[in-house]
Amino acid sequence: MSRKIEVCCTSVADVVAARDGGAVRVELCSAISAGGVTPSAALVATAVRERGEMAVNVLIRPREGGFVYSDEEVSVMAEDIAAVRMAGADGVVIGVLTPEGEIDIPAMRRMLGQAEGLSVTFHRAFDDCRDPFAALDILVELGIDRVLTSGQSATAVEGAQLLARLVEYAAGRIIIMPGAGVSPANIDMLHMQTGASEFHSTAADKTAARPSSPLFGMDPPRTSKDIVAALVGC
C-alpha cells in the first residue's frame, strides 16, 4: 500500500519544507503548542502561493481548549471558512461536539454550508467522541472526506488497535488518517497495523536549536524536508 503524508505547518518555511519533501497536503494553523488555531489571512494566502502541487487545508478553530462551541463561535468559524475558500485554500479542518461527546450536527451543517467545493477533514475532536463508530457514521452522512484521529489515545501508536478497527469499519466510505506522534521511526509499523494510507505529522526536527524569549519561551520546532521525505518513503 502506498502512503500519503499531510504535514501540520505553522509558517511559510514549514509549507516550503513540506512541499520539497514530497507531502501531498498541509494542514495550516497557528499556535501549535495550544493544539492549533485558525491562522492569519496573510499566512493562508502565502501558503497557497507556495504550495506547488500540494493541497492546502486550513484549520478552523477559534480558540484552544475543548470542542463545544457557542453559536457566536460557530458563526466566526463559518465566516473563516468562507474567507479561506476565497483565499484559494483547497480544504478546511473542522470539528464541533455536543457537551455529551457527540457530533454537533446543526453546527457542522452551518459550517459545511460555507465549505462548498472544499475538501473537509474532521479533526481530533473525534478523539473526544463518546462512541467513535456512531460518530464515524454521522461524518459519512455529512459528507466529510477524512477524519484525523489518534485512535482516542495520546498517540497514534497507542491507539493503533482502534485505528485499525476504524479503518475496517470505514470500509472506504471515509478516510481514516492517523496522527499524533507519527514519525519515520513508527510509520511503517502504523501503516501495517492500521491499514491506513494517509498519515498526519508535524515532521518537525525537535533536536534543532530554536530561538527563545526569556518571557515567552522557545519558537516551535520547524518542519524538516528530510523528515517529510522519510515519512513519504523517498
Protein backbone atom coordinates (compact mmCIF):
# COMPACT_ATOMS: atom_id res chain seq x y z
CA MET A 1 0.00 0.00 0.00
CA SER A 2 1.24 3.50 -0.83
CA ARG A 3 1.04 6.19 1.82
CA LYS A 4 0.31 9.89 1.64
CA ILE A 5 1.66 12.41 4.12
CA GLU A 6 -0.10 15.52 5.41
CA VAL A 7 2.13 17.92 7.32
CA CYS A 8 0.95 20.30 10.03
CA CYS A 9 2.53 23.69 9.26
CA THR A 10 2.58 27.00 11.12
CA SER A 11 4.80 29.06 8.83
CA VAL A 12 5.64 29.60 5.18
CA ALA A 13 9.03 27.93 5.79
CA ASP A 14 7.17 24.84 7.04
CA VAL A 15 4.99 24.82 3.91
CA VAL A 16 8.05 25.00 1.65
CA ALA A 17 9.77 22.18 3.55
CA ALA A 18 6.64 20.02 3.32
CA ARG A 19 6.36 20.75 -0.40
CA ASP A 20 10.01 19.97 -1.10
CA GLY A 21 9.86 16.79 0.99
CA GLY A 22 7.01 15.33 -1.03
CA ALA A 23 3.94 15.87 1.16
CA VAL A 24 0.59 15.71 -0.62
CA ARG A 25 -1.09 18.21 1.68
CA VAL A 26 -0.51 20.59 4.56
CA GLU A 27 -2.77 21.49 7.43
CA LEU A 28 -2.10 25.16 8.05
CA CYS A 29 -2.60 26.51 11.57
CA SER A 30 -1.15 28.80 14.21
CA ALA A 31 -0.33 28.23 17.91
CA ILE A 32 0.50 24.57 17.53
CA SER A 33 1.51 24.39 21.21
CA ALA A 34 -2.17 25.00 22.01
CA GLY A 35 -3.31 22.31 19.59
CA GLY A 36 -3.64 24.78 16.72
CA VAL A 37 -5.98 27.67 15.96
CA THR A 38 -7.07 29.40 12.76
CA PRO A 39 -4.08 31.06 11.02
CA SER A 40 -3.97 34.60 9.68
CA ALA A 41 -5.37 35.51 6.28
CA ALA A 42 -1.90 36.53 5.06
CA LEU A 43 -0.40 33.18 6.08
CA VAL A 44 -3.16 31.35 4.20
CA ALA A 45 -2.66 33.44 1.07
CA THR A 46 1.11 32.99 1.14
CA ALA A 47 0.85 29.24 1.72
CA VAL A 48 -1.48 28.98 -1.27
CA ARG A 49 1.11 30.78 -3.43
CA GLU A 50 3.93 28.49 -2.24
CA ARG A 51 2.08 25.15 -2.28
CA GLY A 52 3.28 23.83 -5.61
CA GLU A 53 1.43 20.56 -6.26
CA MET A 54 0.30 20.20 -2.64
CA ALA A 55 -3.16 20.87 -1.30
CA VAL A 56 -3.53 23.47 1.45
CA ASN A 57 -6.11 22.69 4.11
CA VAL A 58 -6.71 25.26 6.83
CA LEU A 59 -7.58 24.57 10.45
CA ILE A 60 -10.73 26.40 11.53
CA ARG A 61 -10.62 26.64 15.30
CA PRO A 62 -11.33 29.92 17.10
CA ARG A 63 -9.56 29.12 20.37
CA GLU A 64 -7.67 26.47 22.29
CA GLY A 65 -9.42 24.03 24.62
CA GLY A 66 -12.39 21.78 24.01
CA PHE A 67 -14.68 21.49 21.03
CA VAL A 68 -18.07 22.55 22.42
CA TYR A 69 -18.73 25.96 20.86
CA SER A 70 -21.24 28.75 21.33
CA ASP A 71 -23.44 29.97 18.48
CA GLU A 72 -21.19 33.02 18.19
CA GLU A 73 -18.08 30.86 17.87
CA VAL A 74 -19.72 28.71 15.20
CA SER A 75 -20.61 31.89 13.30
CA VAL A 76 -16.98 33.01 13.46
CA MET A 77 -15.83 29.63 12.13
CA ALA A 78 -18.35 29.74 9.30
CA GLU A 79 -17.04 33.17 8.27
CA ASP A 80 -13.45 31.94 8.49
CA ILE A 81 -14.33 29.05 6.16
CA ALA A 82 -15.78 31.47 3.63
CA ALA A 83 -12.63 33.61 3.88
CA VAL A 84 -10.14 30.78 3.36
CA ARG A 85 -12.20 29.47 0.43
CA MET A 86 -11.93 32.91 -1.17
CA ALA A 87 -8.18 32.88 -0.49
CA GLY A 88 -7.79 29.75 -2.61
CA ALA A 89 -7.41 27.07 0.05
CA ASP A 90 -8.23 23.52 -1.01
CA GLY A 91 -9.89 22.40 2.18
CA VAL A 92 -10.73 23.05 5.81
CA VAL A 93 -10.23 21.12 9.02
CA ILE A 94 -13.16 21.45 11.43
CA GLY A 95 -14.92 19.77 14.33
CA VAL A 96 -17.73 20.58 16.77
CA LEU A 97 -19.10 18.40 19.58
CA THR A 98 -22.05 18.50 21.93
CA PRO A 99 -21.46 18.51 25.70
CA GLU A 100 -22.36 14.80 25.62
CA GLY A 101 -19.44 13.97 23.34
CA GLU A 102 -21.41 13.54 20.13
CA ILE A 103 -21.06 15.27 16.76
CA ASP A 104 -22.90 18.61 16.83
CA ILE A 105 -24.81 18.08 13.61
CA PRO A 106 -26.53 21.51 13.34
CA ALA A 107 -23.23 23.33 13.93
CA MET A 108 -21.45 21.12 11.42
CA ARG A 109 -24.13 21.77 8.82
CA ARG A 110 -23.77 25.53 9.34
CA MET A 111 -20.05 25.33 8.63
CA LEU A 112 -20.40 22.89 5.76
CA GLY A 113 -22.76 25.36 4.14
CA GLN A 114 -19.75 27.67 3.71
CA ALA A 115 -17.40 24.90 2.60
CA GLU A 116 -18.91 24.18 -0.81
CA GLY A 117 -16.19 22.97 -3.17
CA LEU A 118 -13.67 22.36 -0.38
CA SER A 119 -12.27 19.12 0.98
CA VAL A 120 -13.32 18.72 4.63
CA THR A 121 -11.41 16.94 7.39
CA PHE A 122 -12.89 16.37 10.85
CA HIS A 123 -10.04 16.95 13.30
CA ARG A 124 -9.10 15.32 16.60
CA ALA A 125 -12.30 16.45 18.26
CA PHE A 126 -13.14 12.93 17.08
CA ASP A 127 -10.91 11.61 19.86
CA ASP A 128 -13.29 13.14 22.41
CA CYS A 129 -16.35 11.40 20.90
CA ARG A 130 -18.26 9.09 23.22
CA ASP A 131 -18.86 6.46 20.52
CA PRO A 132 -16.32 6.69 17.68
CA PHE A 133 -18.19 4.27 15.41
CA ALA A 134 -21.50 6.13 15.69
CA ALA A 135 -19.61 9.38 15.15
CA LEU A 136 -17.99 7.96 12.03
CA ASP A 137 -21.39 7.07 10.58
CA ILE A 138 -22.58 10.64 11.16
CA LEU A 139 -19.49 12.09 9.49
CA VAL A 140 -20.04 9.85 6.48
CA GLU A 141 -23.65 11.06 6.28
CA LEU A 142 -22.45 14.66 6.46
CA GLY A 143 -20.10 14.09 3.52
CA ILE A 144 -16.83 14.58 5.41
CA ASP A 145 -13.79 13.40 3.42
CA ARG A 146 -11.47 12.28 6.21
CA VAL A 147 -11.00 12.03 9.96
CA LEU A 148 -7.77 12.95 11.75
CA THR A 149 -7.51 10.73 14.81
CA SER A 150 -5.05 9.15 17.22
CA GLY A 151 -7.46 6.32 17.96
CA GLN A 152 -8.69 8.17 21.06
CA SER A 153 -5.26 7.84 22.68
CA ALA A 154 -2.41 10.23 23.37
CA THR A 155 -0.54 8.99 20.29
CA ALA A 156 -1.38 7.04 17.16
CA VAL A 157 0.93 4.24 18.28
CA GLU A 158 -1.06 3.83 21.50
CA GLY A 159 -4.31 4.00 19.55
CA ALA A 160 -3.25 1.65 16.74
CA GLN A 161 -5.73 -1.08 17.66
CA LEU A 162 -8.73 1.25 17.49
CA LEU A 163 -7.33 2.90 14.37
CA ALA A 164 -7.27 -0.49 12.63
CA ARG A 165 -10.89 -1.11 13.67
CA LEU A 166 -11.91 2.32 12.38
CA VAL A 167 -10.20 1.75 9.02
CA GLU A 168 -12.02 -1.55 8.70
CA TYR A 169 -15.35 -0.06 9.77
CA ALA A 170 -14.97 2.91 7.42
CA ALA A 171 -14.65 0.44 4.52
CA GLY A 172 -13.66 3.18 2.09
CA ARG A 173 -16.62 5.43 2.95
CA ILE A 174 -14.33 7.96 4.62
CA ILE A 175 -10.56 8.23 5.06
CA ILE A 176 -9.11 7.47 8.49
CA MET A 177 -5.88 9.49 8.86
CA PRO A 178 -3.75 8.59 11.91
CA GLY A 179 -1.97 11.48 13.59
CA ALA A 180 -0.18 12.36 16.87
CA GLY A 181 3.39 11.21 17.26
CA VAL A 182 3.71 9.83 13.72
CA SER A 183 7.42 9.70 12.81
CA PRO A 184 9.82 7.92 10.47
CA ALA A 185 10.55 5.51 13.32
CA ASN A 186 6.97 4.24 13.60
CA ILE A 187 5.18 4.97 10.33
CA ASP A 188 5.96 1.59 8.76
CA MET A 189 4.51 -0.18 11.78
CA LEU A 190 1.44 2.08 11.81
CA HIS A 191 0.95 1.56 8.09
CA MET A 192 0.96 -2.22 8.52
CA GLN A 193 -1.01 -2.39 11.76
CA THR A 194 -3.79 0.04 10.87
CA GLY A 195 -4.19 -0.38 7.13
CA ALA A 196 -4.34 3.42 6.80
CA SER A 197 -2.93 5.06 3.69
CA GLU A 198 -2.83 8.71 4.83
CA PHE A 199 -0.87 9.98 7.83
CA HIS A 200 -0.58 13.34 9.59
CA SER A 201 2.65 14.61 11.17
CA THR A 202 4.43 17.81 12.12
CA ALA A 203 7.56 16.25 10.56
CA ALA A 204 9.50 18.57 12.88
CA ASP A 205 13.15 18.33 13.76
CA LYS A 206 12.85 18.63 17.52
CA THR A 207 16.61 18.32 18.03
CA ALA A 208 17.44 21.52 16.10
CA ALA A 209 18.35 24.66 18.01
CA ARG A 210 15.44 27.10 18.35
CA PRO A 211 15.35 30.81 19.22
CA SER A 212 13.74 31.61 22.54
CA SER A 213 12.41 34.53 24.54
CA PRO A 214 13.07 34.78 28.29
CA LEU A 215 9.42 35.71 28.81
CA PHE A 216 7.60 33.73 26.13
CA GLY A 217 9.60 30.56 25.61
CA MET A 218 11.04 28.81 22.57
CA ASP A 219 9.93 29.05 18.98
CA PRO A 220 8.05 25.98 17.76
CA PRO A 221 10.05 23.21 16.03
CA ARG A 222 10.17 23.63 12.28
CA THR A 223 9.20 21.14 9.60
CA SER A 224 12.15 19.25 8.16
CA LYS A 225 12.17 18.45 4.43
CA ASP A 226 14.26 15.34 5.16
CA ILE A 227 11.79 14.07 7.78
CA VAL A 228 8.91 14.62 5.37
CA ALA A 229 10.78 12.65 2.71
CA ALA A 230 11.43 9.83 5.20
CA LEU A 231 7.74 9.71 6.09
CA VAL A 232 6.77 9.61 2.44
CA GLY A 233 9.29 6.83 1.92
CA CYS A 234 11.51 8.60 -0.60
